[in-house]
C-alpha atoms as a PDB file:
ATOM      1  CA  MET A   1     -14.200 -89.506-141.358  1.00  0.00           C
ATOM      2  CA  GLU A   2     -17.733 -90.447-141.995  1.00  0.00           C
ATOM      3  CA  THR A   3     -18.689 -88.162-139.204  1.00  0.00           C
ATOM      4  CA  LYS A   4     -17.288 -85.195-141.524  1.00  0.00           C
ATOM      5  CA  ASN A   5     -19.182 -86.331-144.655  1.00  0.00           C
ATOM      6  CA  ARG A   6     -22.364 -86.512-142.391  1.00  0.00           C
ATOM      7  CA  GLU A   7     -21.719 -83.471-141.122  1.00  0.00           C
ATOM      8  CA  LYS A   8     -21.428 -82.362-144.967  1.00  0.00           C
ATOM      9  CA  LEU A   9     -24.611 -83.878-145.949  1.00  0.00           C
ATOM     10  CA  LEU A  10     -26.309 -82.354-143.175  1.00  0.00           C
ATOM     11  CA  LEU A  11     -25.023 -78.742-144.385  1.00  0.00           C
ATOM     12  CA  ILE A  12     -26.303 -79.352-147.646  1.00  0.00           C
ATOM     13  CA  ALA A  13     -29.449 -80.459-146.725  1.00  0.00           C
ATOM     14  CA  THR A  14     -29.707 -77.521-144.312  1.00  0.00           C
ATOM     15  CA  GLY A  15     -28.477 -74.845-146.981  1.00  0.00           C
ATOM     16  CA  ALA A  16     -30.765 -76.714-149.904  1.00  0.00           C
ATOM     17  CA  CYS A  17     -34.099 -76.221-147.642  1.00  0.00           C
ATOM     18  CA  VAL A  18     -33.079 -72.825-146.826  1.00  0.00           C
ATOM     19  CA  VAL A  19     -32.693 -72.336-150.366  1.00  0.00           C
ATOM     20  CA  LEU A  20     -35.702 -73.582-151.076  1.00  0.00           C
ATOM     21  CA  TRP A  21     -37.693 -71.518-148.630  1.00  0.00           C
ATOM     22  CA  LEU A  22     -35.731 -68.268-149.645  1.00  0.00           C
ATOM     23  CA  LEU A  23     -37.242 -69.371-153.473  1.00  0.00           C
ATOM     24  CA  ASN A  24     -40.748 -70.294-152.601  1.00  0.00           C
ATOM     25  CA  LEU A  25     -41.261 -66.648-149.948  1.00  0.00           C
ATOM     26  CA  PHE A  26     -39.278 -64.515-152.918  1.00  0.00           C
ATOM     27  CA  VAL A  27     -40.387 -65.656-155.939  1.00  0.00           C
ATOM     28  CA  ILE A  28     -42.697 -68.747-156.291  1.00  0.00           C
ATOM     29  CA  SER A  29     -45.379 -67.216-153.701  1.00  0.00           C
ATOM     30  CA  PRO A  30     -45.150 -63.296-155.377  1.00  0.00           C
ATOM     31  CA  LEU A  31     -45.659 -65.171-158.903  1.00  0.00           C
ATOM     32  CA  THR A  32     -48.444 -67.307-157.724  1.00  0.00           C
ATOM     33  CA  ALA A  33     -50.075 -64.681-156.118  1.00  0.00           C
ATOM     34  CA  SER A  34     -49.526 -62.552-159.155  1.00  0.00           C
ATOM     35  CA  TRP A  35     -51.065 -65.004-161.556  1.00  0.00           C
ATOM     36  CA  LYS A  36     -53.767 -65.473-159.563  1.00  0.00           C
ATOM     37  CA  ASN A  37     -54.286 -61.536-159.923  1.00  0.00           C
ATOM     38  CA  ARG A  38     -53.826 -61.168-163.336  1.00  0.00           C
ATOM     39  CA  SER A  39     -56.597 -64.104-163.950  1.00  0.00           C
ATOM     40  CA  LYS A  40     -58.806 -62.488-161.778  1.00  0.00           C
ATOM     41  CA  GLN A  41     -58.196 -59.347-163.969  1.00  0.00           C
ATOM     42  CA  ILE A  42     -58.640 -61.110-167.075  1.00  0.00           C
ATOM     43  CA  ASP A  43     -62.338 -62.841-166.115  1.00  0.00           C
ATOM     44  CA  ASP A  44     -63.519 -59.048-164.824  1.00  0.00           C
ATOM     45  CA  LEU A  45     -62.120 -57.412-168.221  1.00  0.00           C
ATOM     46  CA  ARG A  46     -64.246 -59.953-169.895  1.00  0.00           C
ATOM     47  CA  LYS A  47     -66.880 -59.593-167.830  1.00  0.00           C
ATOM     48  CA  SER A  48     -66.367 -55.898-168.594  1.00  0.00           C
ATOM     49  CA  ILE A  49     -66.411 -56.886-172.305  1.00  0.00           C
ATOM     50  CA  ALA A  50     -69.446 -58.841-172.748  1.00  0.00           C
ATOM     51  CA  ASP A  51     -71.266 -56.550-170.809  1.00  0.00           C
ATOM     52  CA  GLY A  52     -70.432 -53.734-172.977  1.00  0.00           C
ATOM     53  CA  HIS A  53     -71.724 -56.011-175.733  1.00  0.00           C
ATOM     54  CA  VAL A  54     -75.211 -56.086-174.060  1.00  0.00           C
ATOM     55  CA  LEU A  55     -75.274 -52.266-173.830  1.00  0.00           C
ATOM     56  CA  VAL A  56     -74.328 -51.522-177.452  1.00  0.00           C
ATOM     57  CA  ARG A  57     -76.884 -53.767-178.335  1.00  0.00           C
ATOM     58  CA  ARG A  58     -79.473 -52.222-176.351  1.00  0.00           C
ATOM     59  CA  GLN A  59     -77.889 -48.778-177.085  1.00  0.00           C
ATOM     60  CA  ASP A  60     -81.063 -47.393-178.872  1.00  0.00           C
ATOM     61  CA  SER A  61     -83.507 -49.025-176.116  1.00  0.00           C
ATOM     62  CA  ILE A  62     -81.623 -47.706-173.145  1.00  0.00           C
ATOM     63  CA  LEU A  63     -81.298 -44.065-174.998  1.00  0.00           C
ATOM     64  CA  GLY A  64     -84.786 -43.966-176.250  1.00  0.00           C
ATOM     65  CA  ARG A  65     -85.830 -45.044-172.313  1.00  0.00           C
ATOM     66  CA  TRP A  66     -83.939 -42.193-171.173  1.00  0.00           C
ATOM     67  CA  SER A  67     -85.016 -39.559-173.647  1.00  0.00           C
ATOM     68  CA  ARG A  68     -88.913 -40.712-172.347  1.00  0.00           C
ATOM     69  CA  MET A  69     -87.988 -40.033-169.092  1.00  0.00           C
ATOM     70  CA  ASN A  70     -86.472 -36.609-169.443  1.00  0.00           C
ATOM     71  CA  THR A  71     -89.902 -36.062-171.388  1.00  0.00           C
ATOM     72  CA  ASN A  72     -91.975 -36.953-168.526  1.00  0.00           C
ATOM     73  CA  ALA A  73     -89.724 -35.670-165.664  1.00  0.00           C
ATOM     74  CA  LEU A  74     -90.902 -32.789-163.522  1.00  0.00           C
ATOM     75  CA  ALA A  75     -88.873 -29.365-164.537  1.00  0.00           C
ATOM     76  CA  SER A  76     -85.467 -29.069-162.834  1.00  0.00           C
ATOM     77  CA  THR A  77     -86.399 -25.721-160.871  1.00  0.00           C
ATOM     78  CA  PRO A  78     -88.304 -26.739-157.950  1.00  0.00           C
ATOM     79  CA  THR A  79     -90.442 -23.564-158.123  1.00  0.00           C
ATOM     80  CA  VAL A  80     -91.506 -24.971-161.762  1.00  0.00           C
ATOM     81  CA  ALA A  81     -91.510 -28.610-160.660  1.00  0.00           C
ATOM     82  CA  GLU A  82     -93.954 -28.357-157.736  1.00  0.00           C
ATOM     83  CA  ARG A  83     -96.371 -26.074-159.698  1.00  0.00           C
ATOM     84  CA  GLN A  84     -96.518 -29.114-162.517  1.00  0.00           C
ATOM     85  CA  LEU A  85     -97.130 -31.657-159.599  1.00  0.00           C
ATOM     86  CA  PHE A  86     -99.598 -28.916-158.071  1.00  0.00           C
ATOM     87  CA  GLU A  87    -101.443 -28.792-161.418  1.00  0.00           C
ATOM     88  CA  ALA A  88    -101.259 -32.297-162.045  1.00  0.00           C
ATOM     89  CA  PHE A  89    -102.618 -33.082-158.188  1.00  0.00           C
ATOM     90  CA  ASN A  90    -105.605 -30.506-159.190  1.00  0.00           C
ATOM     91  CA  HIS A  91    -106.207 -32.654-162.481  1.00  0.00           C
ATOM     92  CA  TRP A  92    -106.512 -35.818-161.256  1.00  0.00           C
ATOM     93  CA  VAL A  93    -109.063 -34.234-158.291  1.00  0.00           C
ATOM     94  CA  GLY A  94    -111.071 -32.849-160.886  1.00  0.00           C
ATOM     95  CA  GLU A  95    -111.154 -35.853-163.215  1.00  0.00           C
ATOM     96  CA  SER A  96    -112.015 -38.099-160.375  1.00  0.00           C
ATOM     97  CA  GLY A  97    -114.497 -35.989-158.435  1.00  0.00           C
ATOM     98  CA  VAL A  98    -112.429 -36.361-155.105  1.00  0.00           C
ATOM     99  CA  THR A  99    -112.487 -33.641-152.489  1.00  0.00           C
ATOM    100  CA  GLN A 100    -109.224 -31.887-152.248  1.00  0.00           C
ATOM    101  CA  GLY A 101    -107.284 -31.784-148.660  1.00  0.00           C
ATOM    102  CA  SER A 102    -103.890 -30.967-147.595  1.00  0.00           C
ATOM    103  CA  PHE A 103    -101.201 -30.894-150.682  1.00  0.00           C
ATOM    104  CA  LYS A 104     -97.489 -30.601-148.896  1.00  0.00           C
ATOM    105  CA  PRO A 105     -94.818 -30.561-151.551  1.00  0.00           C
ATOM    106  CA  GLN A 106     -90.864 -31.053-150.405  1.00  0.00           C
ATOM    107  CA  LEU A 107     -87.868 -30.916-152.363  1.00  0.00           C
ATOM    108  CA  LYS A 108     -85.664 -33.787-151.711  1.00  0.00           C
ATOM    109  CA  GLU A 109     -82.158 -33.933-153.270  1.00  0.00           C
ATOM    110  CA  THR A 110     -80.038 -37.488-152.978  1.00  0.00           C
ATOM    111  CA  ASP A 111     -76.712 -38.688-153.212  1.00  0.00           C
ATOM    112  CA  ASP A 112     -76.845 -40.347-156.475  1.00  0.00           C
ATOM    113  CA  GLY A 113     -77.202 -37.118-158.442  1.00  0.00           C
ATOM    114  CA  TYR A 114     -80.462 -36.387-158.574  1.00  0.00           C
ATOM    115  CA  SER A 115     -83.523 -34.159-157.127  1.00  0.00           C
ATOM    116  CA  THR A 116     -87.128 -35.227-156.553  1.00  0.00           C
ATOM    117  CA  GLU A 117     -90.296 -33.420-155.271  1.00  0.00           C
ATOM    118  CA  ASP A 118     -91.942 -35.669-152.718  1.00  0.00           C
ATOM    119  CA  CYS A 119     -95.407 -34.771-151.446  1.00  0.00           C
ATOM    120  CA  ARG A 120     -97.636 -35.378-148.432  1.00  0.00           C
ATOM    121  CA  ALA A 121    -101.535 -35.209-150.293  1.00  0.00           C
ATOM    122  CA  ASP A 122    -104.685 -36.238-148.673  1.00  0.00           C
ATOM    123  CA  VAL A 123    -107.847 -36.261-150.457  1.00  0.00           C
ATOM    124  CA  THR A 124    -111.746 -37.601-149.516  1.00  0.00           C
ATOM    125  CA  GLY A 125    -114.696 -39.050-151.240  1.00  0.00           C
ATOM    126  CA  THR A 126    -116.609 -42.533-151.895  1.00  0.00           C
ATOM    127  CA  ILE A 127    -115.033 -45.520-152.713  1.00  0.00           C
ATOM    128  CA  GLN A 128    -115.777 -45.053-156.557  1.00  0.00           C
ATOM    129  CA  SER A 129    -114.225 -41.359-156.475  1.00  0.00           C
ATOM    130  CA  ILE A 130    -111.290 -42.414-154.530  1.00  0.00           C
ATOM    131  CA  VAL A 131    -110.336 -45.601-156.972  1.00  0.00           C
ATOM    132  CA  ARG A 132    -110.873 -43.315-159.927  1.00  0.00           C
ATOM    133  CA  PHE A 133    -108.392 -40.724-158.525  1.00  0.00           C
ATOM    134  CA  LEU A 134    -105.831 -43.512-157.866  1.00  0.00           C
ATOM    135  CA  TYR A 135    -106.550 -44.780-161.560  1.00  0.00           C
ATOM    136  CA  ASP A 136    -106.152 -41.409-162.943  1.00  0.00           C
ATOM    137  CA  VAL A 137    -102.610 -41.028-161.007  1.00  0.00           C
ATOM    138  CA  GLU A 138    -101.545 -44.072-162.140  1.00  0.00           C
ATOM    139  CA  LYS A 139    -102.312 -43.838-165.776  1.00  0.00           C
ATOM    140  CA  ASP A 140    -100.641 -40.054-165.924  1.00  0.00           C
ATOM    141  CA  PRO A 141     -97.417 -40.514-168.016  1.00  0.00           C
ATOM    142  CA  MET A 142     -95.796 -37.462-165.968  1.00  0.00           C
ATOM    143  CA  ALA A 143     -92.691 -39.292-163.905  1.00  0.00           C
ATOM    144  CA  VAL A 144     -94.659 -39.469-160.521  1.00  0.00           C
ATOM    145  CA  ARG A 145     -94.372 -42.541-158.477  1.00  0.00           C
ATOM    146  CA  LEU A 146     -97.095 -43.313-155.473  1.00  0.00           C
ATOM    147  CA  GLN A 147     -94.496 -44.409-152.369  1.00  0.00           C
ATOM    148  CA  GLY A 148     -97.215 -44.978-149.815  1.00  0.00           C
ATOM    149  CA  LEU A 149    -100.813 -44.698-149.333  1.00  0.00           C
ATOM    150  CA  GLU A 150    -103.482 -45.522-146.441  1.00  0.00           C
ATOM    151  CA  ILE A 151    -107.423 -45.212-147.037  1.00  0.00           C
ATOM    152  CA  THR A 152    -109.695 -44.901-143.848  1.00  0.00           C
ATOM    153  CA  SER A 153    -113.329 -44.608-143.076  1.00  0.00           C
ATOM    154  CA  ARG A 154    -114.903 -41.554-142.042  1.00  0.00           C
ATOM    155  CA  ASP A 155    -118.089 -42.833-141.431  1.00  0.00           C
ATOM    156  CA  ASP A 156    -119.840 -46.107-139.895  1.00  0.00           C
ATOM    157  CA  THR A 157    -121.048 -47.009-143.281  1.00  0.00           C
ATOM    158  CA  GLY A 158    -117.850 -47.051-145.245  1.00  0.00           C
ATOM    159  CA  LYS A 159    -119.456 -44.654-147.915  1.00  0.00           C
ATOM    160  CA  GLN A 160    -117.082 -41.898-147.412  1.00  0.00           C
ATOM    161  CA  LEU A 161    -113.532 -42.374-147.358  1.00  0.00           C
ATOM    162  CA  SER A 162    -110.375 -40.539-146.688  1.00  0.00           C
ATOM    163  CA  LEU A 163    -107.246 -41.354-148.659  1.00  0.00           C
ATOM    164  CA  GLY A 164    -103.832 -40.218-147.696  1.00  0.00           C
ATOM    165  CA  MET A 165    -100.862 -40.779-149.650  1.00  0.00           C
ATOM    166  CA  ASP A 166     -97.026 -40.113-150.717  1.00  0.00           C
ATOM    167  CA  LEU A 167     -95.830 -38.609-153.722  1.00  0.00           C
ATOM    168  CA  SER A 168     -92.475 -38.677-154.897  1.00  0.00           C
ATOM    169  CA  GLY A 169     -91.641 -36.477-159.028  1.00  0.00           C
ATOM    170  CA  LEU A 170     -88.381 -36.805-160.689  1.00  0.00           C
ATOM    171  CA  LEU A 171     -86.937 -33.796-161.460  1.00  0.00           C
ATOM    172  CA  GLN A 172     -84.846 -33.367-165.135  1.00  0.00           C
ATOM    173  CA  PRO A 173     -81.100 -33.764-164.490  1.00  0.00           C
ATOM    174  CA  PRO A 174     -78.903 -31.525-166.083  1.00  0.00           C
ATOM    175  CA  PRO A 175     -78.400 -31.926-169.936  1.00  0.00           C
ATOM    176  CA  ASP A 176     -75.651 -34.254-170.618  1.00  0.00           C
ATOM    177  CA  PRO A 177     -74.060 -33.319-173.856  1.00  0.00           C
ATOM    178  CA  LEU A 178     -73.783 -37.085-175.015  1.00  0.00           C
ATOM    179  CA  LEU A 179     -77.214 -38.009-174.861  1.00  0.00           C
ATOM    180  CA  LEU A 180     -78.584 -34.697-176.953  1.00  0.00           C
ATOM    181  CA  ASP A 181     -78.477 -36.228-179.788  1.00  0.00           C
ATOM    182  CA  ILE A 182     -80.452 -39.504-179.643  1.00  0.00           C
ATOM    183  CA  GLY A 183     -83.325 -38.917-181.942  1.00  0.00           C
ATOM    184  CA  ALA A 184     -86.517 -37.990-182.110  1.00  0.00           C
ATOM    185  CA  VAL A 185     -88.105 -37.673-178.735  1.00  0.00           C
ATOM    186  CA  ALA A 186     -91.620 -39.933-178.007  1.00  0.00           C
ATOM    187  CA  SER A 187     -94.585 -37.705-176.577  1.00  0.00           C
ATOM    188  CA  ALA A 188     -95.674 -37.952-173.244  1.00  0.00           C
ATOM    189  CA  GLU A 189     -98.775 -39.913-173.821  1.00  0.00           C
ATOM    190  CA  GLU A 190     -96.644 -42.708-175.338  1.00  0.00           C
ATOM    191  CA  THR A 191     -94.240 -43.052-172.722  1.00  0.00           C
ATOM    192  CA  ASN A 192     -95.076 -43.742-168.958  1.00  0.00           C
ATOM    193  CA  SER A 193     -98.523 -44.188-169.916  1.00  0.00           C
ATOM    194  CA  ASN A 194     -99.221 -48.049-168.905  1.00  0.00           C
ATOM    195  CA  PRO A 195    -101.230 -49.369-172.051  1.00  0.00           C
ATOM    196  CA  ALA A 196    -101.704 -52.555-169.944  1.00  0.00           C
ATOM    197  CA  LEU A 197    -103.078 -50.744-167.359  1.00  0.00           C
ATOM    198  CA  SER A 198    -107.244 -51.164-167.233  1.00  0.00           C
ATOM    199  CA  TRP A 199    -110.086 -49.250-165.400  1.00  0.00           C
ATOM    200  CA  THR A 200    -111.899 -52.954-165.254  1.00  0.00           C
ATOM    201  CA  ASN A 201    -108.952 -53.929-162.611  1.00  0.00           C
ATOM    202  CA  PHE A 202    -109.680 -50.834-160.449  1.00  0.00           C
ATOM    203  CA  GLN A 203    -113.467 -50.951-160.572  1.00  0.00           C
ATOM    204  CA  THR A 204    -113.502 -54.387-158.689  1.00  0.00           C
ATOM    205  CA  LEU A 205    -111.933 -52.290-155.429  1.00  0.00           C
ATOM    206  CA  ALA A 206    -114.861 -50.255-155.657  1.00  0.00           C
ATOM    207  CA  GLU A 207    -117.354 -53.310-156.170  1.00  0.00           C
ATOM    208  CA  LYS A 208    -115.871 -55.014-153.271  1.00  0.00           C
ATOM    209  CA  ASN A 209    -115.595 -51.802-150.716  1.00  0.00           C
ATOM    210  CA  ILE A 210    -114.200 -53.715-148.110  1.00  0.00           C
ATOM    211  CA  PHE A 211    -115.116 -50.517-145.600  1.00  0.00           C
ATOM    212  CA  ASP A 212    -118.889 -51.421-146.135  1.00  0.00           C
ATOM    213  CA  PRO A 213    -120.110 -53.158-143.476  1.00  0.00           C
ATOM    214  CA  SER A 214    -122.816 -54.715-145.095  1.00  0.00           C
ATOM    215  CA  ARG A 215    -120.710 -56.337-147.723  1.00  0.00           C
ATOM    216  CA  THR A 216    -121.211 -60.159-147.967  1.00  0.00           C
ATOM    217  CA  GLY A 217    -118.521 -62.752-149.697  1.00  0.00           C
ATOM    218  CA  ARG A 218    -119.246 -64.873-152.704  1.00  0.00           C
ATOM    219  CA  ILE A 219    -122.093 -67.104-151.401  1.00  0.00           C
ATOM    220  CA  ARG A 220    -124.791 -68.287-154.290  1.00  0.00           C
ATOM    221  CA  PHE A 221    -127.992 -67.920-152.426  1.00  0.00           C
ATOM    222  CA  ASN A 222    -129.986 -68.998-155.142  1.00  0.00           C
ATOM    223  CA  ASN A 223    -128.109 -72.579-154.770  1.00  0.00           C
ATOM    224  CA  LEU A 224    -128.786 -73.083-151.451  1.00  0.00           C
ATOM    225  CA  ALA A 225    -131.805 -73.996-149.805  1.00  0.00           C
ATOM    226  CA  ARG A 226    -133.628 -71.184-148.235  1.00  0.00           C
ATOM    227  CA  ARG A 227    -134.087 -71.875-144.162  1.00  0.00           C
ATOM    228  CA  PRO A 228    -137.423 -70.733-142.631  1.00  0.00           C
ATOM    229  CA  PRO A 229    -137.182 -68.176-139.840  1.00  0.00           C
ATOM    230  CA  PRO A 230    -136.355 -69.336-136.636  1.00  0.00           C
ATOM    231  CA  VAL A 231    -139.810 -69.536-133.856  1.00  0.00           C
ATOM    232  CA  LEU A 232    -138.790 -68.302-130.849  1.00  0.00           C
ATOM    233  CA  PHE A 233    -141.128 -69.502-127.912  1.00  0.00           C
ATOM    234  CA  PHE A 234    -141.246 -70.171-124.490  1.00  0.00           C
ATOM    235  CA  THR A 235    -142.927 -72.870-121.982  1.00  0.00           C
ATOM    236  CA  PHE A 236    -144.034 -72.855-118.345  1.00  0.00           C
ATOM    237  CA  GLY A 237    -143.408 -76.017-116.509  1.00  0.00           C
ATOM    238  CA  GLY A 238    -145.085 -76.678-112.978  1.00  0.00           C
ATOM    239  CA  THR A 239    -148.131 -74.786-111.567  1.00  0.00           C
ATOM    240  CA  ILE A 240    -148.656 -71.843-109.614  1.00  0.00           C
ATOM    241  CA  GLU A 241    -150.881 -71.474-106.618  1.00  0.00           C
ATOM    242  CA  ASP A 242    -152.727 -69.088-105.196  1.00  0.00           C
ATOM    243  CA  GLY A 243    -153.642 -69.111-101.648  1.00  0.00           C
ATOM    244  CA  PRO A 244    -152.477 -68.375 -98.185  1.00  0.00           C
END
């Protein structure tokens, strides 16, 4: 009798374990996973709503910046964009006094839906004209980025330099109807032109010509005691005999 009761208890316990296992497998685990996924979706939605509120508050600033970028960008037609970039390059050359070298533009299309007019250009001149040329490039409101440059000396005195650079100009994207009515568009002189860009900062490069072999460091010789020039001499030791 006791054995049968024990077998019943074991069967009941085994059945309860099986039921709990099935309940956990088909009910509790899926519900827990669903709650976690729903909590993550709620957090993502809250973050998206917060980001949307930030974008709404910055709407005028973002649309105005986009408008200014379109104003200063190159034309959407590659041939027109190439001509614009070449005319700007000639303007920088004329203003700075450098000698124009090569100018090789090339259209580049990206996977992000915009195109650029990349250009490899070379100019030569003095350190003053090279620095002035770089200043004019950075000061120009056109949507052109200086991606890289190298400066090399053409003589032993560092007076004649060669500048090679890589330029990239942004082409205007296709018109978007959602961005057409955004108010007045600022003029080009009020957009990409950096008011904080000062010629004084560039002039320091010209004054501290690292290619000049006679360039000295910042040593105040007036505060140092002047040493007399060294006197070079020699003496003979011993005697010289002249005889058989």
